[in-house]
Amino acid sequence: KEARELMGIQPGDTLILLGDAERGLAIPPKSSFDHIFK
């Protein structure tokens, strides 16, 4: 809950899961990639 509140994650939000065998996992919000998608 504390992480969801800090990051503004709401039910129904889409997150992206990025994985790197050496660096681990990252879960940024999809909106952080909007400009890249465009």
Full PDB file with SEQRES, HELIX, SHEET, SSBOND, CRYST1, ORIGX, SCALE, CONECT and MASTER records, all heavy atoms in Angstrom:
SEQRES   1 A   38  LYS GLU ALA ARG GLU LEU MET GLY ILE GLN PRO GLY ASP          
SEQRES   2 A   38  THR LEU ILE LEU LEU GLY ASP ALA GLU ARG GLY LEU ALA          
SEQRES   3 A   38  ILE PRO PRO LYS SER SER PHE ASP HIS ILE PHE LYS              
HELIX    1 AA1 GLU A    2  MET A    7  1                                   6    
HELIX    2 AA2 LYS A   30  PHE A   33  5                                   4    
HELIX    3 AA3 ASP A   34  PHE A   37  1                                   4    
SHEET    1 AA1 2 LEU A  18  ASP A  20  0                                        
SHEET    2 AA1 2 GLY A  24  ALA A  26 -1                                        
CRYST1    1.000    1.000    1.000  90.00  90.00  90.00 P 1           1          
ORIGX1      1.000000  0.000000  0.000000        0.00000                         
ORIGX2      0.000000  1.000000  0.000000        0.00000                         
ORIGX3      0.000000  0.000000  1.000000        0.00000                         
SCALE1      1.000000  0.000000  0.000000        0.00000                         
SCALE2      0.000000  1.000000  0.000000        0.00000                         
SCALE3      0.000000  0.000000  1.000000        0.00000                         
ATOM      1  N   LYS A   1       0.825  -1.210   0.000  1.00  0.00           N  
ATOM      2  CA  LYS A   1       0.000   0.000   0.000  1.00  0.00           C  
ATOM      3  C   LYS A   1       0.858   1.258   0.000  1.00  0.00           C  
ATOM      4  O   LYS A   1       0.586   2.199  -0.735  1.00  0.00           O  
ATOM      5  CB  LYS A   1      -0.923  -0.007   1.217  1.00  0.00           C  
ATOM      6  CG  LYS A   1      -1.807   1.222   1.307  1.00  0.00           C  
ATOM      7  CD  LYS A   1      -2.675   1.181   2.548  1.00  0.00           C  
ATOM      8  CE  LYS A   1      -3.498   2.458   2.633  1.00  0.00           C  
ATOM      9  NZ  LYS A   1      -4.264   2.535   3.862  1.00  0.00           N  
ATOM     10  N   GLU A   2       1.894   1.285   0.825  1.00  0.00           N  
ATOM     11  CA  GLU A   2       2.741   2.468   0.915  1.00  0.00           C  
ATOM     12  C   GLU A   2       3.395   2.780  -0.432  1.00  0.00           C  
ATOM     13  O   GLU A   2       3.497   3.934  -0.833  1.00  0.00           O  
ATOM     14  CB  GLU A   2       3.826   2.275   1.983  1.00  0.00           C  
ATOM     15  CG  GLU A   2       3.278   2.114   3.380  1.00  0.00           C  
ATOM     16  CD  GLU A   2       2.963   0.668   3.750  1.00  0.00           C  
ATOM     17  OE1 GLU A   2       2.950  -0.233   2.861  1.00  0.00           O  
ATOM     18  OE2 GLU A   2       2.710   0.422   4.939  1.00  0.00           O  
ATOM     19  N   ALA A   3       3.829   1.745  -1.145  1.00  0.00           N  
ATOM     20  CA  ALA A   3       4.448   1.936  -2.462  1.00  0.00           C  
ATOM     21  C   ALA A   3       3.415   2.411  -3.478  1.00  0.00           C  
ATOM     22  O   ALA A   3       3.688   3.298  -4.292  1.00  0.00           O  
ATOM     23  CB  ALA A   3       5.107   0.643  -2.929  1.00  0.00           C  
ATOM     24  N   ARG A   4       2.210   1.821  -3.441  1.00  0.00           N  
ATOM     25  CA  ARG A   4       1.147   2.261  -4.368  1.00  0.00           C  
ATOM     26  C   ARG A   4       0.800   3.716  -4.141  1.00  0.00           C  
ATOM     27  O   ARG A   4       0.622   4.480  -5.097  1.00  0.00           O  
ATOM     28  CB  ARG A   4      -0.102   1.383  -4.202  1.00  0.00           C  
ATOM     29  CG  ARG A   4       0.100  -0.057  -4.632  1.00  0.00           C  
ATOM     30  CD  ARG A   4      -1.217  -0.833  -4.710  1.00  0.00           C  
ATOM     31  NE  ARG A   4      -2.131  -0.624  -3.605  1.00  0.00           N  
ATOM     32  CZ  ARG A   4      -2.203  -1.397  -2.522  1.00  0.00           C  
ATOM     33  NH1 ARG A   4      -1.401  -2.439  -2.394  1.00  0.00           N  
ATOM     34  NH2 ARG A   4      -3.084  -1.133  -1.574  1.00  0.00           N  
ATOM     35  N   GLU A   5       0.670   4.108  -2.876  1.00  0.00           N  
ATOM     36  CA  GLU A   5       0.340   5.500  -2.564  1.00  0.00           C  
ATOM     37  C   GLU A   5       1.459   6.442  -3.005  1.00  0.00           C  
ATOM     38  O   GLU A   5       1.202   7.489  -3.595  1.00  0.00           O  
ATOM     39  CB  GLU A   5       0.070   5.660  -1.074  1.00  0.00           C  
ATOM     40  CG  GLU A   5      -1.229   5.025  -0.640  1.00  0.00           C  
ATOM     41  CD  GLU A   5      -1.466   5.073   0.862  1.00  0.00           C  
ATOM     42  OE1 GLU A   5      -0.518   5.367   1.632  1.00  0.00           O  
ATOM     43  OE2 GLU A   5      -2.613   4.805   1.271  1.00  0.00           O  
ATOM     44  N   LEU A   6       2.708   6.066  -2.733  1.00  0.00           N  
ATOM     45  CA  LEU A   6       3.849   6.888  -3.113  1.00  0.00           C  
ATOM     46  C   LEU A   6       3.908   7.107  -4.623  1.00  0.00           C  
ATOM     47  O   LEU A   6       4.153   8.212  -5.098  1.00  0.00           O  
ATOM     48  CB  LEU A   6       5.154   6.219  -2.644  1.00  0.00           C  
ATOM     49  CG  LEU A   6       6.455   6.892  -3.043  1.00  0.00           C  
ATOM     50  CD1 LEU A   6       6.596   8.246  -2.350  1.00  0.00           C  
ATOM     51  CD2 LEU A   6       7.630   5.999  -2.712  1.00  0.00           C  
ATOM     52  N   MET A   7       3.637   6.046  -5.379  1.00  0.00           N  
ATOM     53  CA  MET A   7       3.747   6.110  -6.838  1.00  0.00           C  
ATOM     54  C   MET A   7       2.423   6.444  -7.530  1.00  0.00           C  
ATOM     55  O   MET A   7       2.382   6.546  -8.753  1.00  0.00           O  
ATOM     56  CB  MET A   7       4.277   4.775  -7.371  1.00  0.00           C  
ATOM     57  CG  MET A   7       5.642   4.386  -6.804  1.00  0.00           C  
ATOM     58  SD  MET A   7       6.910   5.674  -6.994  1.00  0.00           S  
ATOM     59  CE  MET A   7       6.999   5.804  -8.759  1.00  0.00           C  
ATOM     60  N   GLY A   8       1.354   6.605  -6.761  1.00  0.00           N  
ATOM     61  CA  GLY A   8       0.057   6.942  -7.357  1.00  0.00           C  
ATOM     62  C   GLY A   8      -0.528   5.813  -8.185  1.00  0.00           C  
ATOM     63  O   GLY A   8      -1.251   6.054  -9.139  1.00  0.00           O  
ATOM     64  N   ILE A   9      -0.223   4.581  -7.837  1.00  0.00           N  
ATOM     65  CA  ILE A   9      -0.737   3.421  -8.575  1.00  0.00           C  
ATOM     66  C   ILE A   9      -2.155   3.122  -8.115  1.00  0.00           C  
ATOM     67  O   ILE A   9      -2.408   2.961  -6.935  1.00  0.00           O  
ATOM     68  CB  ILE A   9       0.178   2.195  -8.366  1.00  0.00           C  
ATOM     69  CG1 ILE A   9       1.582   2.489  -8.899  1.00  0.00           C  
ATOM     70  CG2 ILE A   9      -0.420   0.956  -9.037  1.00  0.00           C  
ATOM     71  CD1 ILE A   9       2.610   1.440  -8.523  1.00  0.00           C  
ATOM     72  N   GLN A  10      -3.065   3.053  -9.083  1.00  0.00           N  
ATOM     73  CA  GLN A  10      -4.478   2.825  -8.814  1.00  0.00           C  
ATOM     74  C   GLN A  10      -4.925   1.504  -9.437  1.00  0.00           C  
ATOM     75  O   GLN A  10      -4.310   1.034 -10.407  1.00  0.00           O  
ATOM     76  CB  GLN A  10      -5.319   3.963  -9.424  1.00  0.00           C  
ATOM     77  CG  GLN A  10      -4.997   5.331  -8.868  1.00  0.00           C  
ATOM     78  CD  GLN A  10      -5.389   5.466  -7.412  1.00  0.00           C  
ATOM     79  OE1 GLN A  10      -6.447   5.004  -7.008  1.00  0.00           O  
ATOM     80  NE2 GLN A  10      -4.531   6.075  -6.620  1.00  0.00           N  
ATOM     81  N   PRO A  11      -6.014   0.910  -8.925  1.00  0.00           N  
ATOM     82  CA  PRO A  11      -6.546  -0.296  -9.562  1.00  0.00           C  
ATOM     83  C   PRO A  11      -6.814  -0.041 -11.045  1.00  0.00           C  
ATOM     84  O   PRO A  11      -7.325   1.011 -11.424  1.00  0.00           O  
ATOM     85  CB  PRO A  11      -7.857  -0.555  -8.811  1.00  0.00           C  
ATOM     86  CG  PRO A  11      -7.631   0.070  -7.466  1.00  0.00           C  
ATOM     87  CD  PRO A  11      -6.791   1.301  -7.746  1.00  0.00           C  
ATOM     88  N   GLY A  12      -6.431  -0.977 -11.884  1.00  0.00           N  
ATOM     89  CA  GLY A  12      -6.630  -0.847 -13.326  1.00  0.00           C  
ATOM     90  C   GLY A  12      -5.468  -0.199 -14.056  1.00  0.00           C  
ATOM     91  O   GLY A  12      -5.429  -0.206 -15.282  1.00  0.00           O  
ATOM     92  N   ASP A  13      -4.498   0.387 -13.328  1.00  0.00           N  
ATOM     93  CA  ASP A  13      -3.327   0.970 -13.972  1.00  0.00           C  
ATOM     94  C   ASP A  13      -2.524  -0.125 -14.667  1.00  0.00           C  
ATOM     95  O   ASP A  13      -2.496  -1.273 -14.227  1.00  0.00           O  
ATOM     96  CB  ASP A  13      -2.416   1.674 -12.962  1.00  0.00           C  
ATOM     97  CG  ASP A  13      -2.955   3.020 -12.505  1.00  0.00           C  
ATOM     98  OD1 ASP A  13      -3.992   3.472 -13.048  1.00  0.00           O  
ATOM     99  OD2 ASP A  13      -2.333   3.612 -11.606  1.00  0.00           O  
ATOM    100  N   THR A  14      -1.852   0.242 -15.741  1.00  0.00           N  
ATOM    101  CA  THR A  14      -0.976  -0.675 -16.443  1.00  0.00           C  
ATOM    102  C   THR A  14       0.461  -0.327 -16.101  1.00  0.00           C  
ATOM    103  O   THR A  14       0.861   0.835 -16.190  1.00  0.00           O  
ATOM    104  CB  THR A  14      -1.185  -0.569 -17.970  1.00  0.00           C  
ATOM    105  OG1 THR A  14      -2.537  -0.898 -18.267  1.00  0.00           O  
ATOM    106  CG2 THR A  14      -0.261  -1.506 -18.716  1.00  0.00           C  
ATOM    107  N   LEU A  15       1.220  -1.328 -15.710  1.00  0.00           N  
ATOM    108  CA  LEU A  15       2.635  -1.149 -15.412  1.00  0.00           C  
ATOM    109  C   LEU A  15       3.435  -1.983 -16.402  1.00  0.00           C  
ATOM    110  O   LEU A  15       2.930  -2.950 -16.966  1.00  0.00           O  
ATOM    111  CB  LEU A  15       2.947  -1.613 -13.981  1.00  0.00           C  
ATOM    112  CG  LEU A  15       2.118  -0.975 -12.872  1.00  0.00           C  
ATOM    113  CD1 LEU A  15       2.463  -1.618 -11.530  1.00  0.00           C  
ATOM    114  CD2 LEU A  15       2.352   0.516 -12.819  1.00  0.00           C  
ATOM    115  N   ILE A  16       4.683  -1.606 -16.609  1.00  0.00           N  
ATOM    116  CA  ILE A  16       5.572  -2.361 -17.482  1.00  0.00           C  
ATOM    117  C   ILE A  16       6.588  -3.074 -16.600  1.00  0.00           C  
ATOM    118  O   ILE A  16       7.143  -2.478 -15.675  1.00  0.00           O  
ATOM    119  CB  ILE A  16       6.286  -1.414 -18.467  1.00  0.00           C  
ATOM    120  CG1 ILE A  16       5.261  -0.757 -19.388  1.00  0.00           C  
ATOM    121  CG2 ILE A  16       7.345  -2.156 -19.262  1.00  0.00           C  
ATOM    122  CD1 ILE A  16       5.843   0.307 -20.287  1.00  0.00           C  
ATOM    123  N   LEU A  17       6.837  -4.331 -16.883  1.00  0.00           N  
ATOM    124  CA  LEU A  17       7.831  -5.092 -16.134  1.00  0.00           C  
ATOM    125  C   LEU A  17       9.073  -5.230 -17.003  1.00  0.00           C  
ATOM    126  O   LEU A  17       9.015  -5.773 -18.104  1.00  0.00           O  
ATOM    127  CB  LEU A  17       7.287  -6.471 -15.763  1.00  0.00           C  
ATOM    128  CG  LEU A  17       8.245  -7.376 -15.001  1.00  0.00           C  
ATOM    129  CD1 LEU A  17       8.542  -6.782 -13.619  1.00  0.00           C  
ATOM    130  CD2 LEU A  17       7.665  -8.764 -14.858  1.00  0.00           C  
ATOM    131  N   LEU A  18      10.190  -4.688 -16.526  1.00  0.00           N  
ATOM    132  CA  LEU A  18      11.457  -4.786 -17.233  1.00  0.00           C  
ATOM    133  C   LEU A  18      12.366  -5.708 -16.432  1.00  0.00           C  
ATOM    134  O   LEU A  18      12.456  -5.583 -15.209  1.00  0.00           O  
ATOM    135  CB  LEU A  18      12.115  -3.407 -17.346  1.00  0.00           C  
ATOM    136  CG  LEU A  18      11.282  -2.306 -18.015  1.00  0.00           C  
ATOM    137  CD1 LEU A  18      11.989  -0.971 -17.888  1.00  0.00           C  
ATOM    138  CD2 LEU A  18      11.034  -2.649 -19.470  1.00  0.00           C  
ATOM    139  N   GLY A  19      13.043  -6.626 -17.095  1.00  0.00           N  
ATOM    140  CA  GLY A  19      13.923  -7.552 -16.403  1.00  0.00           C  
ATOM    141  C   GLY A  19      15.295  -7.608 -17.036  1.00  0.00           C  
ATOM    142  O   GLY A  19      15.430  -7.573 -18.254  1.00  0.00           O  
ATOM    143  N   ASP A  20      16.308  -7.671 -16.208  1.00  0.00           N  
ATOM    144  CA  ASP A  20      17.688  -7.802 -16.644  1.00  0.00           C  
ATOM    145  C   ASP A  20      18.342  -8.831 -15.727  1.00  0.00           C  
ATOM    146  O   ASP A  20      18.287  -8.680 -14.500  1.00  0.00           O  
ATOM    147  CB  ASP A  20      18.390  -6.449 -16.541  1.00  0.00           C  
ATOM    148  CG  ASP A  20      19.825  -6.500 -17.015  1.00  0.00           C  
ATOM    149  OD1 ASP A  20      20.679  -7.055 -16.297  1.00  0.00           O  
ATOM    150  OD2 ASP A  20      20.105  -5.962 -18.108  1.00  0.00           O  
ATOM    151  N   ALA A  21      18.946  -9.860 -16.295  1.00  0.00           N  
ATOM    152  CA  ALA A  21      19.520 -10.937 -15.498  1.00  0.00           C  
ATOM    153  C   ALA A  21      20.555 -10.434 -14.499  1.00  0.00           C  
ATOM    154  O   ALA A  21      20.694 -11.004 -13.417  1.00  0.00           O  
ATOM    155  CB  ALA A  21      20.145 -11.987 -16.413  1.00  0.00           C  
ATOM    156  N   GLU A  22      21.260  -9.372 -14.821  1.00  0.00           N  
ATOM    157  CA  GLU A  22      22.288  -8.857 -13.915  1.00  0.00           C  
ATOM    158  C   GLU A  22      21.779  -7.752 -12.990  1.00  0.00           C  
ATOM    159  O   GLU A  22      22.239  -7.628 -11.860  1.00  0.00           O  
ATOM    160  CB  GLU A  22      23.477  -8.335 -14.720  1.00  0.00           C  
ATOM    161  CG  GLU A  22      24.212  -9.443 -15.460  1.00  0.00           C  
ATOM    162  CD  GLU A  22      25.387  -8.926 -16.251  1.00  0.00           C  
ATOM    163  OE1 GLU A  22      25.836  -7.787 -16.008  1.00  0.00           O  
ATOM    164  OE2 GLU A  22      25.856  -9.672 -17.133  1.00  0.00           O  
ATOM    165  N   ARG A  23      20.837  -6.952 -13.460  1.00  0.00           N  
ATOM    166  CA  ARG A  23      20.406  -5.780 -12.691  1.00  0.00           C  
ATOM    167  C   ARG A  23      19.086  -5.975 -11.970  1.00  0.00           C  
ATOM    168  O   ARG A  23      18.706  -5.158 -11.144  1.00  0.00           O  
ATOM    169  CB  ARG A  23      20.335  -4.572 -13.614  1.00  0.00           C  
ATOM    170  CG  ARG A  23      21.716  -4.252 -14.199  1.00  0.00           C  
ATOM    171  CD  ARG A  23      21.677  -3.149 -15.193  1.00  0.00           C  
ATOM    172  NE  ARG A  23      21.376  -1.894 -14.519  1.00  0.00           N  
ATOM    173  CZ  ARG A  23      21.090  -0.769 -15.151  1.00  0.00           C  
ATOM    174  NH1 ARG A  23      21.068  -0.738 -16.464  1.00  0.00           N  
ATOM    175  NH2 ARG A  23      20.822   0.322 -14.486  1.00  0.00           N  
ATOM    176  N   GLY A  24      18.328  -7.013 -12.303  1.00  0.00           N  
ATOM    177  CA  GLY A  24      17.081  -7.272 -11.607  1.00  0.00           C  
ATOM    178  C   GLY A  24      15.862  -6.770 -12.345  1.00  0.00           C  
ATOM    179  O   GLY A  24      15.879  -6.591 -13.560  1.00  0.00           O  
ATOM    180  N   LEU A  25      14.783  -6.517 -11.593  1.00  0.00           N  
ATOM    181  CA  LEU A  25      13.499  -6.103 -12.151  1.00  0.00           C  
ATOM    182  C   LEU A  25      13.221  -4.640 -11.857  1.00  0.00           C  
ATOM    183  O   LEU A  25      13.611  -4.125 -10.813  1.00  0.00           O  
ATOM    184  CB  LEU A  25      12.355  -6.937 -11.550  1.00  0.00           C  
ATOM    185  CG  LEU A  25      12.372  -8.428 -11.823  1.00  0.00           C  
ATOM    186  CD1 LEU A  25      11.266  -9.112 -11.032  1.00  0.00           C  
ATOM    187  CD2 LEU A  25      12.210  -8.707 -13.304  1.00  0.00           C  
ATOM    188  N   ALA A  26      12.497  -4.011 -12.768  1.00  0.00           N  
ATOM    189  CA  ALA A  26      11.994  -2.659 -12.559  1.00  0.00           C  
ATOM    190  C   ALA A  26      10.543  -2.658 -13.026  1.00  0.00           C  
ATOM    191  O   ALA A  26      10.188  -3.337 -13.992  1.00  0.00           O  
ATOM    192  CB  ALA A  26      12.799  -1.637 -13.350  1.00  0.00           C  
ATOM    193  N   ILE A  27       9.706  -1.910 -12.327  1.00  0.00           N  
ATOM    194  CA  ILE A  27       8.284  -1.853 -12.678  1.00  0.00           C  
ATOM    195  C   ILE A  27       7.855  -0.392 -12.780  1.00  0.00           C  
ATOM    196  O   ILE A  27       7.203   0.142 -11.895  1.00  0.00           O  
ATOM    197  CB  ILE A  27       7.425  -2.606 -11.636  1.00  0.00           C  
ATOM    198  CG1 ILE A  27       7.975  -4.012 -11.385  1.00  0.00           C  
ATOM    199  CG2 ILE A  27       5.966  -2.680 -12.106  1.00  0.00           C  
ATOM    200  CD1 ILE A  27       7.272  -4.768 -10.286  1.00  0.00           C  
ATOM    201  N   PRO A  28       8.226   0.282 -13.865  1.00  0.00           N  
ATOM    202  CA  PRO A  28       7.803   1.669 -14.030  1.00  0.00           C  
ATOM    203  C   PRO A  28       6.364   1.741 -14.543  1.00  0.00           C  
ATOM    204  O   PRO A  28       5.886   0.798 -15.177  1.00  0.00           O  
ATOM    205  CB  PRO A  28       8.771   2.210 -15.090  1.00  0.00           C  
ATOM    206  CG  PRO A  28       9.134   1.009 -15.885  1.00  0.00           C  
ATOM    207  CD  PRO A  28       9.112  -0.153 -14.922  1.00  0.00           C  
ATOM    208  N   PRO A  29       5.667   2.852 -14.278  1.00  0.00           N  
ATOM    209  CA  PRO A  29       4.317   2.993 -14.832  1.00  0.00           C  
ATOM    210  C   PRO A  29       4.391   3.145 -16.347  1.00  0.00           C  
ATOM    211  O   PRO A  29       5.357   3.682 -16.888  1.00  0.00           O  
ATOM    212  CB  PRO A  29       3.792   4.269 -14.171  1.00  0.00           C  
ATOM    213  CG  PRO A  29       5.007   5.010 -13.741  1.00  0.00           C  
ATOM    214  CD  PRO A  29       6.069   3.990 -13.484  1.00  0.00           C  
ATOM    215  N   LYS A  30       3.392   2.644 -17.018  1.00  0.00           N  
ATOM    216  CA  LYS A  30       3.339   2.724 -18.480  1.00  0.00           C  
ATOM    217  C   LYS A  30       3.440   4.172 -18.949  1.00  0.00           C  
ATOM    218  O   LYS A  30       4.061   4.457 -19.965  1.00  0.00           O  
ATOM    219  CB  LYS A  30       2.043   2.077 -18.973  1.00  0.00           C  
ATOM    220  CG  LYS A  30       1.916   1.977 -20.465  1.00  0.00           C  
ATOM    221  CD  LYS A  30       0.634   1.260 -20.837  1.00  0.00           C  
ATOM    222  CE  LYS A  30       0.403   1.269 -22.323  1.00  0.00           C  
ATOM    223  NZ  LYS A  30      -0.900   0.709 -22.663  1.00  0.00           N  
ATOM    224  N   SER A  31       2.878   5.085 -18.188  1.00  0.00           N  
ATOM    225  CA  SER A  31       2.883   6.503 -18.600  1.00  0.00           C  
ATOM    226  C   SER A  31       4.293   7.062 -18.718  1.00  0.00           C  
ATOM    227  O   SER A  31       4.514   8.009 -19.469  1.00  0.00           O  
ATOM    228  CB  SER A  31       2.070   7.341 -17.613  1.00  0.00           C  
ATOM    229  OG  SER A  31       2.651   7.266 -16.318  1.00  0.00           O  
ATOM    230  N   SER A  32       5.269   6.470 -18.017  1.00  0.00           N  
ATOM    231  CA  SER A  32       6.630   6.981 -18.116  1.00  0.00           C  
ATOM    232  C   SER A  32       7.248   6.681 -19.480  1.00  0.00           C  
ATOM    233  O   SER A  32       8.296   7.224 -19.815  1.00  0.00           O  
ATOM    234  CB  SER A  32       7.504   6.422 -16.992  1.00  0.00           C  
ATOM    235  OG  SER A  32       7.686   5.038 -17.140  1.00  0.00           O  
ATOM    236  N   PHE A  33       6.599   5.834 -20.268  1.00  0.00           N  
ATOM    237  CA  PHE A  33       7.096   5.500 -21.598  1.00  0.00           C  
ATOM    238  C   PHE A  33       6.266   6.114 -22.719  1.00  0.00           C  
ATOM    239  O   PHE A  33       6.497   5.832 -23.889  1.00  0.00           O  
ATOM    240  CB  PHE A  33       7.145   3.975 -21.767  1.00  0.00           C  
ATOM    241  CG  PHE A  33       8.240   3.336 -20.968  1.00  0.00           C  
ATOM    242  CD1 PHE A  33       8.021   2.960 -19.661  1.00  0.00           C  
ATOM    243  CD2 PHE A  33       9.489   3.134 -21.523  1.00  0.00           C  
ATOM    244  CE1 PHE A  33       9.034   2.379 -18.919  1.00  0.00           C  
ATOM    245  CE2 PHE A  33      10.506   2.559 -20.784  1.00  0.00           C  
ATOM    246  CZ  PHE A  33      10.282   2.183 -19.474  1.00  0.00           C  
ATOM    247  N   ASP A  34       5.289   6.956 -22.394  1.00  0.00           N  
ATOM    248  CA  ASP A  34       4.412   7.536 -23.404  1.00  0.00           C  
ATOM    249  C   ASP A  34       5.188   8.192 -24.541  1.00  0.00           C  
ATOM    250  O   ASP A  34       4.901   7.961 -25.712  1.00  0.00           O  
ATOM    251  CB  ASP A  34       3.457   8.562 -22.790  1.00  0.00           C  
ATOM    252  CG  ASP A  34       2.306   7.918 -22.048  1.00  0.00           C  
ATOM    253  OD1 ASP A  34       2.138   6.684 -22.137  1.00  0.00           O  
ATOM    254  OD2 ASP A  34       1.576   8.649 -21.356  1.00  0.00           O  
ATOM    255  N   HIS A  35       6.159   9.022 -24.195  1.00  0.00           N  
ATOM    256  CA  HIS A  35       6.900   9.731 -25.238  1.00  0.00           C  
ATOM    257  C   HIS A  35       7.698   8.769 -26.121  1.00  0.00           C  
ATOM    258  O   HIS A  35       7.820   8.970 -27.316  1.00  0.00           O  
ATOM    259  CB  HIS A  35       7.810  10.794 -24.625  1.00  0.00           C  
ATOM    260  CG  HIS A  35       8.939  10.241 -23.813  1.00  0.00           C  
ATOM    261  ND1 HIS A  35       8.764   9.708 -22.552  1.00  0.00           N  
ATOM    262  CD2 HIS A  35      10.257  10.114 -24.102  1.00  0.00           C  
ATOM    263  CE1 HIS A  35       9.931   9.289 -22.100  1.00  0.00           C  
ATOM    264  NE2 HIS A  35      10.854   9.513 -23.013  1.00  0.00           N  
ATOM    265  N   ILE A  36       8.199   7.681 -25.548  1.00  0.00           N  
ATOM    266  CA  ILE A  36       8.948   6.697 -26.331  1.00  0.00           C  
ATOM    267  C   ILE A  36       8.009   5.961 -27.286  1.00  0.00           C  
ATOM    268  O   ILE A  36       8.327   5.771 -28.460  1.00  0.00           O  
ATOM    269  CB  ILE A  36       9.681   5.701 -25.405  1.00  0.00           C  
ATOM    270  CG1 ILE A  36      10.754   6.441 -24.596  1.00  0.00           C  
ATOM    271  CG2 ILE A  36      10.302   4.559 -26.206  1.00  0.00           C  
ATOM    272  CD1 ILE A  36      11.386   5.624 -23.495  1.00  0.00           C  
ATOM    273  N   PHE A  37       6.826   5.544 -26.795  1.00  0.00           N  
ATOM    274  CA  PHE A  37       5.859   4.877 -27.656  1.00  0.00           C  
ATOM    275  C   PHE A  37       5.488   5.773 -28.835  1.00  0.00           C  
ATOM    276  O   PHE A  37       5.409   5.321 -29.968  1.00  0.00           O  
ATOM    277  CB  PHE A  37       4.583   4.515 -26.886  1.00  0.00           C  
ATOM    278  CG  PHE A  37       4.760   3.414 -25.872  1.00  0.00           C  
ATOM    279  CD1 PHE A  37       4.139   3.506 -24.637  1.00  0.00           C  
ATOM    280  CD2 PHE A  37       5.516   2.295 -26.139  1.00  0.00           C  
ATOM    281  CE1 PHE A  37       4.285   2.501 -23.695  1.00  0.00           C  
ATOM    282  CE2 PHE A  37       5.665   1.274 -25.207  1.00  0.00           C  
ATOM    283  CZ  PHE A  37       5.044   1.386 -23.978  1.00  0.00           C  
ATOM    284  N   LYS A  38       5.263   7.031 -28.557  1.00  0.00           N  
ATOM    285  CA  LYS A  38       4.863   7.956 -29.621  1.00  0.00           C  
ATOM    286  C   LYS A  38       5.970   8.130 -30.648  1.00  0.00           C  
ATOM    287  O   LYS A  38       5.706   8.217 -31.845  1.00  0.00           O  
ATOM    288  CB  LYS A  38       4.449   9.286 -29.022  1.00  0.00           C  
ATOM    289  CG  LYS A  38       3.127   9.208 -28.282  1.00  0.00           C  
ATOM    290  CD  LYS A  38       2.751  10.516 -27.623  1.00  0.00           C  
ATOM    291  CE  LYS A  38       1.460  10.346 -26.842  1.00  0.00           C  
ATOM    292  NZ  LYS A  38       1.103  11.557 -26.090  1.00  0.00           N  
TER     293      LYS A  38                                                      
MASTER        0    0    0    3    2    0    0    6  292    1    0    3          
END                                                                             
